[in-house]
C-alpha atoms as a PDB file:
ATOM      1  CA  MET A   1      40.216  29.145-137.673  1.00  0.00           C
ATOM      2  CA  LEU A   2      40.909  30.012-141.633  1.00  0.00           C
ATOM      3  CA  LYS A   3      43.369  31.544-143.093  1.00  0.00           C
ATOM      4  CA  ARG A   4      43.129  35.507-142.515  1.00  0.00           C
ATOM      5  CA  ILE A   5      42.109  35.369-138.858  1.00  0.00           C
ATOM      6  CA  THR A   6      44.718  36.113-136.951  1.00  0.00           C
ATOM      7  CA  ALA A   7      42.929  39.280-135.307  1.00  0.00           C
ATOM      8  CA  ALA A   8      39.841  37.656-135.769  1.00  0.00           C
ATOM      9  CA  LEU A   9      40.338  34.899-133.289  1.00  0.00           C
ATOM     10  CA  LEU A  10      40.908  37.157-130.359  1.00  0.00           C
ATOM     11  CA  LEU A  11      37.001  36.976-129.763  1.00  0.00           C
ATOM     12  CA  PRO A  12      36.945  33.596-128.084  1.00  0.00           C
ATOM     13  CA  LEU A  13      39.133  34.909-125.423  1.00  0.00           C
ATOM     14  CA  LEU A  14      36.282  36.566-123.961  1.00  0.00           C
ATOM     15  CA  VAL A  15      33.572  34.458-124.504  1.00  0.00           C
ATOM     16  CA  ALA A  16      34.032  32.920-120.687  1.00  0.00           C
ATOM     17  CA  SER A  17      34.557  36.477-118.944  1.00  0.00           C
ATOM     18  CA  CYS A  18      31.563  37.900-120.852  1.00  0.00           C
ATOM     19  CA  ILE A  19      28.696  35.047-120.160  1.00  0.00           C
ATOM     20  CA  VAL A  20      29.480  35.042-116.606  1.00  0.00           C
ATOM     21  CA  SER A  21      30.230  38.541-115.708  1.00  0.00           C
ATOM     22  CA  CYS A  22      28.649  40.807-118.479  1.00  0.00           C
ATOM     23  CA  ALA A  23      24.918  40.306-117.678  1.00  0.00           C
ATOM     24  CA  LYS A  24      24.102  43.567-119.643  1.00  0.00           C
ATOM     25  CA  PRO A  25      25.853  45.126-122.474  1.00  0.00           C
ATOM     26  CA  ASP A  26      26.431  48.354-120.423  1.00  0.00           C
ATOM     27  CA  GLY A  27      28.615  46.132-118.141  1.00  0.00           C
ATOM     28  CA  THR A  28      26.033  46.187-115.027  1.00  0.00           C
ATOM     29  CA  THR A  29      24.047  43.717-113.832  1.00  0.00           C
ATOM     30  CA  ASP A  30      21.028  43.251-111.258  1.00  0.00           C
ATOM     31  CA  VAL A  31      22.897  41.814-108.261  1.00  0.00           C
ATOM     32  CA  THR A  32      22.938  44.880-105.614  1.00  0.00           C
ATOM     33  CA  ASP A  33      24.888  45.251-102.461  1.00  0.00           C
ATOM     34  CA  ASP A  34      21.352  45.401-100.763  1.00  0.00           C
ATOM     35  CA  ASP A  35      20.778  41.891-101.818  1.00  0.00           C
ATOM     36  CA  PRO A  36      22.092  39.913 -98.854  1.00  0.00           C
ATOM     37  CA  ASP A  37      21.414  36.259-101.026  1.00  0.00           C
ATOM     38  CA  ASN A  38      23.646  37.957-103.672  1.00  0.00           C
ATOM     39  CA  ALA A  39      26.421  39.156-101.470  1.00  0.00           C
ATOM     40  CA  GLN A  40      29.777  38.746-101.833  1.00  0.00           C
ATOM     41  CA  THR A  41      33.170  39.454-100.873  1.00  0.00           C
ATOM     42  CA  GLU A  42      35.808  40.433-102.879  1.00  0.00           C
ATOM     43  CA  ALA A  43      37.989  37.238-102.277  1.00  0.00           C
ATOM     44  CA  GLU A  44      35.058  34.910-103.893  1.00  0.00           C
ATOM     45  CA  THR A  45      34.150  37.655-106.626  1.00  0.00           C
ATOM     46  CA  GLU A  46      37.728  37.199-107.621  1.00  0.00           C
ATOM     47  CA  GLU A  47      37.721  33.548-107.258  1.00  0.00           C
ATOM     48  CA  ILE A  48      34.437  33.035-109.658  1.00  0.00           C
ATOM     49  CA  PHE A  49      35.148  36.030-112.286  1.00  0.00           C
ATOM     50  CA  ILE A  50      38.134  35.680-114.257  1.00  0.00           C
ATOM     51  CA  SER A  51      39.204  38.536-116.669  1.00  0.00           C
ATOM     52  CA  ASP A  52      41.021  38.268-120.036  1.00  0.00           C
ATOM     53  CA  ASN A  53      44.519  39.165-120.397  1.00  0.00           C
ATOM     54  CA  LEU A  54      44.104  41.284-123.227  1.00  0.00           C
ATOM     55  CA  PRO A  55      45.469  44.477-123.755  1.00  0.00           C
ATOM     56  CA  ASP A  56      42.924  47.265-122.669  1.00  0.00           C
ATOM     57  CA  ASP A  57      43.563  49.373-125.662  1.00  0.00           C
ATOM     58  CA  LEU A  58      43.364  46.542-127.871  1.00  0.00           C
ATOM     59  CA  ASP A  59      41.085  47.621-130.823  1.00  0.00           C
ATOM     60  CA  CYS A  60      39.987  45.579-134.195  1.00  0.00           C
ATOM     61  CA  GLU A  61      39.026  49.176-136.052  1.00  0.00           C
ATOM     62  CA  GLY A  62      35.120  48.066-136.645  1.00  0.00           C
ATOM     63  CA  LYS A  63      36.253  45.128-138.407  1.00  0.00           C
ATOM     64  CA  THR A  64      33.385  42.297-139.325  1.00  0.00           C
ATOM     65  CA  VAL A  65      34.092  38.798-138.051  1.00  0.00           C
ATOM     66  CA  THR A  66      32.175  36.177-139.516  1.00  0.00           C
ATOM     67  CA  LEU A  67      31.437  32.915-137.552  1.00  0.00           C
ATOM     68  CA  LEU A  68      30.312  29.831-139.158  1.00  0.00           C
ATOM     69  CA  TRP A  69      28.377  27.633-136.783  1.00  0.00           C
ATOM     70  CA  ILE A  70      26.079  24.506-137.208  1.00  0.00           C
ATOM     71  CA  GLN A  71      22.574  25.386-137.283  1.00  0.00           C
ATOM     72  CA  ASP A  72      19.755  24.624-134.284  1.00  0.00           C
ATOM     73  CA  ASN A  73      22.878  24.040-131.923  1.00  0.00           C
ATOM     74  CA  GLY A  74      21.956  26.864-129.498  1.00  0.00           C
ATOM     75  CA  ASN A  75      25.450  29.122-130.205  1.00  0.00           C
ATOM     76  CA  THR A  76      24.003  32.453-131.102  1.00  0.00           C
ATOM     77  CA  ALA A  77      21.324  34.688-130.586  1.00  0.00           C
ATOM     78  CA  GLU A  78      20.060  38.024-132.758  1.00  0.00           C
ATOM     79  CA  LYS A  79      17.448  39.138-130.273  1.00  0.00           C
ATOM     80  CA  LEU A  80      16.697  39.504-126.314  1.00  0.00           C
ATOM     81  CA  ASN A  81      13.759  37.334-125.852  1.00  0.00           C
ATOM     82  CA  GLY A  82      13.775  36.713-121.604  1.00  0.00           C
ATOM     83  CA  GLU A  83      15.179  33.408-121.833  1.00  0.00           C
ATOM     84  CA  VAL A  84      18.411  33.111-119.572  1.00  0.00           C
ATOM     85  CA  VAL A  85      20.696  31.256-122.333  1.00  0.00           C
ATOM     86  CA  ASN A  86      19.406  33.257-125.308  1.00  0.00           C
ATOM     87  CA  ASP A  87      20.100  36.655-123.261  1.00  0.00           C
ATOM     88  CA  ALA A  88      23.482  35.605-122.077  1.00  0.00           C
ATOM     89  CA  LEU A  89      24.686  34.468-126.114  1.00  0.00           C
ATOM     90  CA  TYR A  90      23.287  37.926-127.116  1.00  0.00           C
ATOM     91  CA  TYR A  91      25.187  40.053-124.701  1.00  0.00           C
ATOM     92  CA  ARG A  92      28.484  38.146-124.852  1.00  0.00           C
ATOM     93  CA  ASP A  93      28.391  39.478-128.760  1.00  0.00           C
ATOM     94  CA  ARG A  94      27.291  42.583-127.854  1.00  0.00           C
ATOM     95  CA  LYS A  95      30.087  42.846-124.896  1.00  0.00           C
ATOM     96  CA  THR A  96      32.586  41.465-127.122  1.00  0.00           C
ATOM     97  CA  GLU A  97      31.818  43.748-129.921  1.00  0.00           C
ATOM     98  CA  GLU A  98      32.329  46.648-127.604  1.00  0.00           C
ATOM     99  CA  ARG A  99      35.486  45.495-126.001  1.00  0.00           C
ATOM    100  CA  LEU A 100      37.347  44.934-129.115  1.00  0.00           C
ATOM    101  CA  ASN A 101      35.335  47.192-131.666  1.00  0.00           C
ATOM    102  CA  VAL A 102      34.289  44.614-134.022  1.00  0.00           C
ATOM    103  CA  ILE A 103      31.181  43.667-135.541  1.00  0.00           C
ATOM    104  CA  ILE A 104      29.900  39.889-134.832  1.00  0.00           C
ATOM    105  CA  GLU A 105      28.099  38.235-137.893  1.00  0.00           C
ATOM    106  CA  ASN A 106      26.994  34.861-136.925  1.00  0.00           C
ATOM    107  CA  ILE A 107      25.895  32.342-140.029  1.00  0.00           C
ATOM    108  CA  GLU A 108      24.394  29.245-139.501  1.00  0.00           C
ATOM    109  CA  GLU A 109      24.210  26.206-141.934  1.00  0.00           C
ATOM    110  CA  LEU A 110      22.566  23.062-141.519  1.00  0.00           C
ATOM    111  CA  TYR A 111      24.985  19.861-140.819  1.00  0.00           C
ATOM    112  CA  THR A 112      23.894  16.511-140.241  1.00  0.00           C
ATOM    113  CA  TRP A 113      25.767  13.450-140.780  1.00  0.00           C
ATOM    114  CA  ALA A 114      24.403  12.654-144.255  1.00  0.00           C
ATOM    115  CA  LYS A 115      25.285  16.474-145.120  1.00  0.00           C
ATOM    116  CA  LYS A 116      28.858  16.585-143.514  1.00  0.00           C
ATOM    117  CA  ASP A 117      30.725  16.872-146.690  1.00  0.00           C
ATOM    118  CA  GLU A 118      28.630  19.585-148.146  1.00  0.00           C
ATOM    119  CA  TYR A 119      29.370  21.602-145.033  1.00  0.00           C
ATOM    120  CA  LEU A 120      32.927  20.710-144.845  1.00  0.00           C
ATOM    121  CA  ASN A 121      33.126  21.717-148.575  1.00  0.00           C
ATOM    122  CA  ARG A 122      31.633  25.057-148.080  1.00  0.00           C
ATOM    123  CA  ILE A 123      34.358  25.651-145.510  1.00  0.00           C
ATOM    124  CA  LYS A 124      37.302  24.512-148.068  1.00  0.00           C
ATOM    125  CA  SER A 125      35.834  26.048-150.986  1.00  0.00           C
ATOM    126  CA  SER A 126      35.238  29.815-149.109  1.00  0.00           C
ATOM    127  CA  VAL A 127      39.557  29.523-148.026  1.00  0.00           C
ATOM    128  CA  LEU A 128      40.590  28.129-152.102  1.00  0.00           C
ATOM    129  CA  ALA A 129      38.178  31.071-153.495  1.00  0.00           C
ATOM    130  CA  ASP A 130      39.894  33.272-150.987  1.00  0.00           C
ATOM    131  CA  ASP A 131      36.431  34.870-150.222  1.00  0.00           C
ATOM    132  CA  ASP A 132      36.695  35.646-146.706  1.00  0.00           C
ATOM    133  CA  ALA A 133      33.505  34.486-146.336  1.00  0.00           C
ATOM    134  CA  TYR A 134      33.969  33.063-143.020  1.00  0.00           C
ATOM    135  CA  ASP A 135      36.641  33.984-140.066  1.00  0.00           C
ATOM    136  CA  ILE A 136      36.313  31.425-137.551  1.00  0.00           C
ATOM    137  CA  VAL A 137      34.162  28.417-138.305  1.00  0.00           C
ATOM    138  CA  SER A 138      32.870  25.672-136.138  1.00  0.00           C
ATOM    139  CA  GLY A 139      31.470  22.006-136.296  1.00  0.00           C
ATOM    140  CA  GLN A 140      31.901  18.281-135.155  1.00  0.00           C
ATOM    141  CA  TYR A 141      35.193  17.242-133.644  1.00  0.00           C
ATOM    142  CA  ALA A 142      34.592  13.768-135.626  1.00  0.00           C
ATOM    143  CA  THR A 143      34.786  15.373-139.002  1.00  0.00           C
ATOM    144  CA  MET A 144      36.172  18.860-139.017  1.00  0.00           C
ATOM    145  CA  PRO A 145      39.908  17.562-138.469  1.00  0.00           C
ATOM    146  CA  SER A 146      39.886  15.923-141.921  1.00  0.00           C
ATOM    147  CA  LEU A 147      40.769  19.382-143.273  1.00  0.00           C
ATOM    148  CA  ILE A 148      43.913  19.848-141.389  1.00  0.00           C
ATOM    149  CA  GLY A 149      45.905  18.175-143.862  1.00  0.00           C
ATOM    150  CA  GLU A 150      44.771  20.280-147.115  1.00  0.00           C
ATOM    151  CA  GLY A 151      46.271  23.496-145.339  1.00  0.00           C
ATOM    152  CA  ILE A 152      42.891  24.967-144.300  1.00  0.00           C
ATOM    153  CA  TYR A 153      42.903  25.708-140.810  1.00  0.00           C
ATOM    154  CA  TYR A 154      45.254  28.518-139.279  1.00  0.00           C
ATOM    155  CA  ASN A 155      47.868  27.240-136.709  1.00  0.00           C
ATOM    156  CA  LEU A 156      46.218  28.636-133.723  1.00  0.00           C
ATOM    157  CA  MET A 157      49.745  28.464-131.829  1.00  0.00           C
ATOM    158  CA  ASN A 158      50.887  31.724-134.109  1.00  0.00           C
ATOM    159  CA  VAL A 159      47.676  33.967-133.110  1.00  0.00           C
ATOM    160  CA  GLU A 160      48.655  36.869-130.746  1.00  0.00           C
ATOM    161  CA  TYR A 161      46.884  37.527-127.838  1.00  0.00           C
ATOM    162  CA  LEU A 162      45.308  33.923-127.663  1.00  0.00           C
ATOM    163  CA  ASP A 163      45.894  32.339-124.783  1.00  0.00           C
ATOM    164  CA  LEU A 164      45.086  28.696-124.768  1.00  0.00           C
ATOM    165  CA  ALA A 165      45.889  28.499-121.233  1.00  0.00           C
ATOM    166  CA  MET A 166      42.586  30.413-119.925  1.00  0.00           C
ATOM    167  CA  PRO A 167      40.320  28.026-118.224  1.00  0.00           C
ATOM    168  CA  TRP A 168      37.299  28.221-120.710  1.00  0.00           C
ATOM    169  CA  TRP A 169      39.573  26.062-123.211  1.00  0.00           C
ATOM    170  CA  VAL A 170      38.993  22.444-122.883  1.00  0.00           C
ATOM    171  CA  GLN A 171      42.770  21.788-121.744  1.00  0.00           C
ATOM    172  CA  GLY A 172      42.895  17.824-122.125  1.00  0.00           C
ATOM    173  CA  LEU A 173      41.749  18.159-125.818  1.00  0.00           C
ATOM    174  CA  ILE A 174      44.500  20.974-126.498  1.00  0.00           C
ATOM    175  CA  GLU A 175      47.265  18.767-124.958  1.00  0.00           C
ATOM    176  CA  GLU A 176      45.886  15.820-127.113  1.00  0.00           C
ATOM    177  CA  THR A 177      45.861  17.215-130.209  1.00  0.00           C
ATOM    178  CA  THR A 178      48.791  19.880-130.720  1.00  0.00           C
ATOM    179  CA  ILE A 179      51.570  17.819-132.579  1.00  0.00           C
ATOM    180  CA  ASP A 180      55.062  19.389-133.181  1.00  0.00           C
ATOM    181  CA  GLY A 181      53.816  22.879-131.873  1.00  0.00           C
ATOM    182  CA  LYS A 182      50.743  23.079-134.178  1.00  0.00           C
ATOM    183  CA  LEU A 183      46.976  23.207-133.440  1.00  0.00           C
ATOM    184  CA  TYR A 184      44.237  23.872-135.378  1.00  0.00           C
ATOM    185  CA  LEU A 185      41.042  23.080-133.616  1.00  0.00           C
ATOM    186  CA  VAL A 186      39.872  23.728-129.926  1.00  0.00           C
ATOM    187  CA  SER A 187      36.782  24.007-127.791  1.00  0.00           C
ATOM    188  CA  GLY A 188      35.442  25.382-125.150  1.00  0.00           C
ATOM    189  CA  ASP A 189      32.776  27.328-123.306  1.00  0.00           C
ATOM    190  CA  MET A 190      32.464  29.333-126.878  1.00  0.00           C
ATOM    191  CA  ALA A 191      30.396  26.388-128.102  1.00  0.00           C
ATOM    192  CA  MET A 192      27.435  25.355-126.246  1.00  0.00           C
ATOM    193  CA  PRO A 193      27.520  21.804-127.253  1.00  0.00           C
ATOM    194  CA  THR A 194      30.304  21.636-125.101  1.00  0.00           C
ATOM    195  CA  ILE A 195      28.217  22.313-122.540  1.00  0.00           C
ATOM    196  CA  ALA A 196      24.849  21.014-123.290  1.00  0.00           C
ATOM    197  CA  SER A 197      26.251  17.779-124.099  1.00  0.00           C
ATOM    198  CA  ILE A 198      27.864  16.801-120.532  1.00  0.00           C
ATOM    199  CA  SER A 199      26.539  13.386-119.740  1.00  0.00           C
ATOM    200  CA  CYS A 200      25.533  12.305-116.488  1.00  0.00           C
ATOM    201  CA  LEU A 201      23.098  10.074-114.782  1.00  0.00           C
ATOM    202  CA  PHE A 202      19.601  10.358-113.448  1.00  0.00           C
ATOM    203  CA  PHE A 203      18.163   8.137-110.702  1.00  0.00           C
ATOM    204  CA  ASN A 204      14.180   7.438-109.932  1.00  0.00           C
ATOM    205  CA  LYS A 205      13.778   8.090-106.267  1.00  0.00           C
ATOM    206  CA  GLU A 206      10.730   6.089-105.850  1.00  0.00           C
ATOM    207  CA  ILE A 207      12.421   3.451-107.404  1.00  0.00           C
ATOM    208  CA  LEU A 208      15.212   3.336-105.214  1.00  0.00           C
ATOM    209  CA  ALA A 209      12.660   3.624-102.579  1.00  0.00           C
ATOM    210  CA  ASN A 210      10.812   0.548-103.676  1.00  0.00           C
ATOM    211  CA  TYR A 211      14.139  -1.435-103.783  1.00  0.00           C
ATOM    212  CA  ASN A 212      14.978  -0.418-100.451  1.00  0.00           C
ATOM    213  CA  ILE A 213      18.000   1.373-101.990  1.00  0.00           C
ATOM    214  CA  GLU A 214      19.850   4.575-100.484  1.00  0.00           C
ATOM    215  CA  GLU A 215      19.661   7.635-102.675  1.00  0.00           C
ATOM    216  CA  PRO A 216      23.596   8.131-103.670  1.00  0.00           C
ATOM    217  CA  TYR A 217      23.818  11.584-102.646  1.00  0.00           C
ATOM    218  CA  ASP A 218      26.023  11.044 -99.672  1.00  0.00           C
ATOM    219  CA  VAL A 219      28.047   8.747-101.405  1.00  0.00           C
ATOM    220  CA  VAL A 220      28.977  10.457-104.307  1.00  0.00           C
ATOM    221  CA  LEU A 221      29.850  13.975-102.167  1.00  0.00           C
ATOM    222  CA  ASP A 222      32.022  11.538-100.040  1.00  0.00           C
ATOM    223  CA  GLY A 223      33.809  10.451-103.309  1.00  0.00           C
ATOM    224  CA  ASP A 224      32.942   6.865-102.704  1.00  0.00           C
ATOM    225  CA  TRP A 225      30.941   6.607-105.999  1.00  0.00           C
ATOM    226  CA  THR A 226      32.329   3.978-108.237  1.00  0.00           C
ATOM    227  CA  TYR A 227      31.586   1.545-110.910  1.00  0.00           C
ATOM    228  CA  GLU A 228      31.455  -1.084-108.724  1.00  0.00           C
ATOM    229  CA  TYR A 229      29.018   0.685-106.260  1.00  0.00           C
ATOM    230  CA  PHE A 230      27.112   1.702-109.183  1.00  0.00           C
ATOM    231  CA  LYS A 231      26.867  -1.859-110.606  1.00  0.00           C
ATOM    232  CA  GLY A 232      25.784  -2.751-107.062  1.00  0.00           C
ATOM    233  CA  ILE A 233      23.089  -0.650-107.344  1.00  0.00           C
ATOM    234  CA  ILE A 234      21.750  -1.454-110.804  1.00  0.00           C
ATOM    235  CA  SER A 235      22.095  -5.031-110.417  1.00  0.00           C
ATOM    236  CA  GLN A 236      19.302  -5.149-107.820  1.00  0.00           C
ATOM    237  CA  ILE A 237      16.589  -3.734-110.263  1.00  0.00           C
ATOM    238  CA  TYR A 238      14.801  -5.205-112.706  1.00  0.00           C
ATOM    239  CA  ASP A 239      11.001  -6.539-113.179  1.00  0.00           C
ATOM    240  CA  ASP A 240       9.062  -8.303-116.189  1.00  0.00           C
ATOM    241  CA  LEU A 241       6.701  -5.974-116.163  1.00  0.00           C
ATOM    242  CA  ASN A 242       4.776  -6.872-119.190  1.00  0.00           C
ATOM    243  CA  GLY A 243       4.959 -10.416-117.965  1.00  0.00           C
ATOM    244  CA  ASN A 244       5.888 -12.244-120.693  1.00  0.00           C
ATOM    245  CA  SER A 245       9.383 -13.970-118.881  1.00  0.00           C
ATOM    246  CA  GLN A 246      11.518 -12.393-121.982  1.00  0.00           C
ATOM    247  CA  VAL A 247      13.574  -9.543-121.082  1.00  0.00           C
ATOM    248  CA  ASP A 248      12.506  -6.478-123.469  1.00  0.00           C
ATOM    249  CA  ASN A 249      12.117  -2.933-123.530  1.00  0.00           C
ATOM    250  CA  GLU A 250       8.730  -3.111-122.019  1.00  0.00           C
ATOM    251  CA  ASP A 251      10.295  -4.174-118.794  1.00  0.00           C
ATOM    252  CA  LEU A 252      11.834  -2.317-115.581  1.00  0.00           C
ATOM    253  CA  PHE A 253      15.882  -2.214-115.747  1.00  0.00           C
ATOM    254  CA  GLY A 254      18.315  -0.885-113.373  1.00  0.00           C
ATOM    255  CA  PHE A 255      20.050   0.860-116.009  1.00  0.00           C
ATOM    256  CA  ILE A 256      19.146   1.871-119.532  1.00  0.00           C
ATOM    257  CA  VAL A 257      21.541   3.919-121.880  1.00  0.00           C
ATOM    258  CA  PRO A 258      19.341   5.873-123.859  1.00  0.00           C
ATOM    259  CA  SER A 259      21.644   4.720-127.533  1.00  0.00           C
ATOM    260  CA  GLY A 260      24.838   3.790-128.352  1.00  0.00           C
ATOM    261  CA  ASN A 261      26.287   6.890-128.599  1.00  0.00           C
ATOM    262  CA  GLN A 262      26.154   7.458-124.673  1.00  0.00           C
ATOM    263  CA  ILE A 263      28.631   4.595-124.178  1.00  0.00           C
ATOM    264  CA  THR A 264      31.222   7.216-125.380  1.00  0.00           C
ATOM    265  CA  PRO A 265      31.495   8.988-121.861  1.00  0.00           C
ATOM    266  CA  TYR A 266      32.699   5.765-120.248  1.00  0.00           C
ATOM    267  CA  VAL A 267      36.151   6.857-122.188  1.00  0.00           C
ATOM    268  CA  GLN A 268      36.425   9.414-120.029  1.00  0.00           C
ATOM    269  CA  ALA A 269      34.806   7.784-116.961  1.00  0.00           C
ATOM    270  CA  PHE A 270      37.277   5.121-116.937  1.00  0.00           C
ATOM    271  CA  ASP A 271      40.085   7.766-117.841  1.00  0.00           C
ATOM    272  CA  LEU A 272      40.801   6.023-121.002  1.00  0.00           C
ATOM    273  CA  LYS A 273      43.490   7.201-123.387  1.00  0.00           C
ATOM    274  CA  ILE A 274      42.773   7.700-127.163  1.00  0.00           C
ATOM    275  CA  THR A 275      46.317   8.861-127.597  1.00  0.00           C
ATOM    276  CA  THR A 276      49.578   9.147-125.890  1.00  0.00           C
ATOM    277  CA  LEU A 277      52.723  11.279-126.173  1.00  0.00           C
ATOM    278  CA  ASP A 278      55.736   9.374-126.758  1.00  0.00           C
ATOM    279  CA  SER A 279      59.229  10.486-125.995  1.00  0.00           C
ATOM    280  CA  ASP A 280      59.352  13.171-128.631  1.00  0.00           C
ATOM    281  CA  GLY A 281      56.172  14.583-128.227  1.00  0.00           C
ATOM    282  CA  TYR A 282      54.278  13.079-130.804  1.00  0.00           C
ATOM    283  CA  PRO A 283      50.728  11.590-130.325  1.00  0.00           C
ATOM    284  CA  VAL A 284      50.739   7.648-130.313  1.00  0.00           C
ATOM    285  CA  LEU A 285      47.261   5.401-130.731  1.00  0.00           C
ATOM    286  CA  SER A 286      47.137   4.013-127.323  1.00  0.00           C
ATOM    287  CA  PHE A 287      43.430   3.301-127.135  1.00  0.00           C
ATOM    288  CA  GLY A 288      43.679  -0.576-128.084  1.00  0.00           C
ATOM    289  CA  ASP A 289      45.771  -1.206-124.448  1.00  0.00           C
ATOM    290  CA  GLU A 290      45.011  -3.753-121.847  1.00  0.00           C
ATOM    291  CA  LYS A 291      43.001  -1.427-119.838  1.00  0.00           C
ATOM    292  CA  THR A 292      40.982  -0.514-123.079  1.00  0.00           C
ATOM    293  CA  ALA A 293      39.899  -4.110-123.896  1.00  0.00           C
ATOM    294  CA  GLY A 294      39.026  -4.716-120.094  1.00  0.00           C
ATOM    295  CA  VAL A 295      36.583  -1.833-120.082  1.00  0.00           C
ATOM    296  CA  VAL A 296      34.937  -2.941-123.371  1.00  0.00           C
ATOM    297  CA  THR A 297      34.556  -6.568-121.984  1.00  0.00           C
ATOM    298  CA  GLU A 298      33.023  -5.267-119.048  1.00  0.00           C
ATOM    299  CA  LEU A 299      30.564  -2.674-120.890  1.00  0.00           C
ATOM    300  CA  CYS A 300      29.689  -5.025-123.429  1.00  0.00           C
ATOM    301  CA  ALA A 301      29.009  -7.563-120.491  1.00  0.00           C
ATOM    302  CA  LEU A 302      26.989  -5.567-118.492  1.00  0.00           C
ATOM    303  CA  LEU A 303      24.733  -4.155-121.597  1.00  0.00           C
ATOM    304  CA  HIS A 304      24.531  -7.390-123.140  1.00  0.00           C
ATOM    305  CA  ASP A 305      24.586 -10.153-120.895  1.00  0.00           C
ATOM    306  CA  THR A 306      22.552  -8.994-117.568  1.00  0.00           C
ATOM    307  CA  ASN A 307      18.941  -8.636-117.130  1.00  0.00           C
ATOM    308  CA  TYR A 308      19.201  -5.233-115.375  1.00  0.00           C
ATOM    309  CA  ALA A 309      21.089  -2.818-118.260  1.00  0.00           C
ATOM    310  CA  MET A 310      20.393  -2.359-121.600  1.00  0.00           C
ATOM    311  CA  ILE A 311      20.716  -0.021-124.471  1.00  0.00           C
ATOM    312  CA  GLY A 312      17.673   1.754-125.481  1.00  0.00           C
ATOM    313  CA  ASP A 313      15.979   2.959-128.527  1.00  0.00           C
ATOM    314  CA  ASP A 314      16.134   6.917-127.968  1.00  0.00           C
ATOM    315  CA  ASN A 315      12.095   6.777-127.418  1.00  0.00           C
END
């Protein structure tokens, strides 16, 4: 998303389709018509596999596209090793190179919260020096927007062929961060943390059985899983395992949040909005409304004022 990126940004358009439908760089897969377990009707195939809408003769003339990734985020694979995700990433890049006639160069740099300024300065310095070190950059959404006001990124709305309506882009993010027809950051299936960081609830079958609580599969599948139902389950579970008559992290709880960071998914779970658009299409802060205050009050009471829920210590 840097300044000379008009052609380079064609790459992300193919990411989702390559991951699901390009199992090998030659376009073939291991699925055969003789395998009844893998048989699909034409209609099912059309529903599952979505092709890009780029021109068939689009040719980037062998240009090198350089991508900057956060190290250890699992976004790249330089060789095959037999692991499913690794090999899918490898084939994704090879198929994209073949499809667009480009050479993909992945660069990984260390990123931690303590080193976030160094990471951002690396991007900024490259653009200001006009050294073409990176064509596409990735990063943490909590920090990357800070460079927008400095003119470091390219307006994605001006990129030819970039169809942000395709399903592999996070649509809610696009809607909330497009301002006055300008968009500088996007996320989607191309970024592994977008998938790997999805939050979910796990339950212990043995504990539910010990407390004569029904497993919630049918409740979820029937669309009846609500916060009230969830709270009703966890409120039945607590045991002072160490026998010290105190609520501490050695006890059995109905619900444990691994750390404070895992509270943030409740923004989506309760359908809270950080911003909303005004009548002119500009975002205004709405996170401090009455609904948000009510949710925060409820979660604080749940995690701090009960003996069946707690915030853990990541151990």
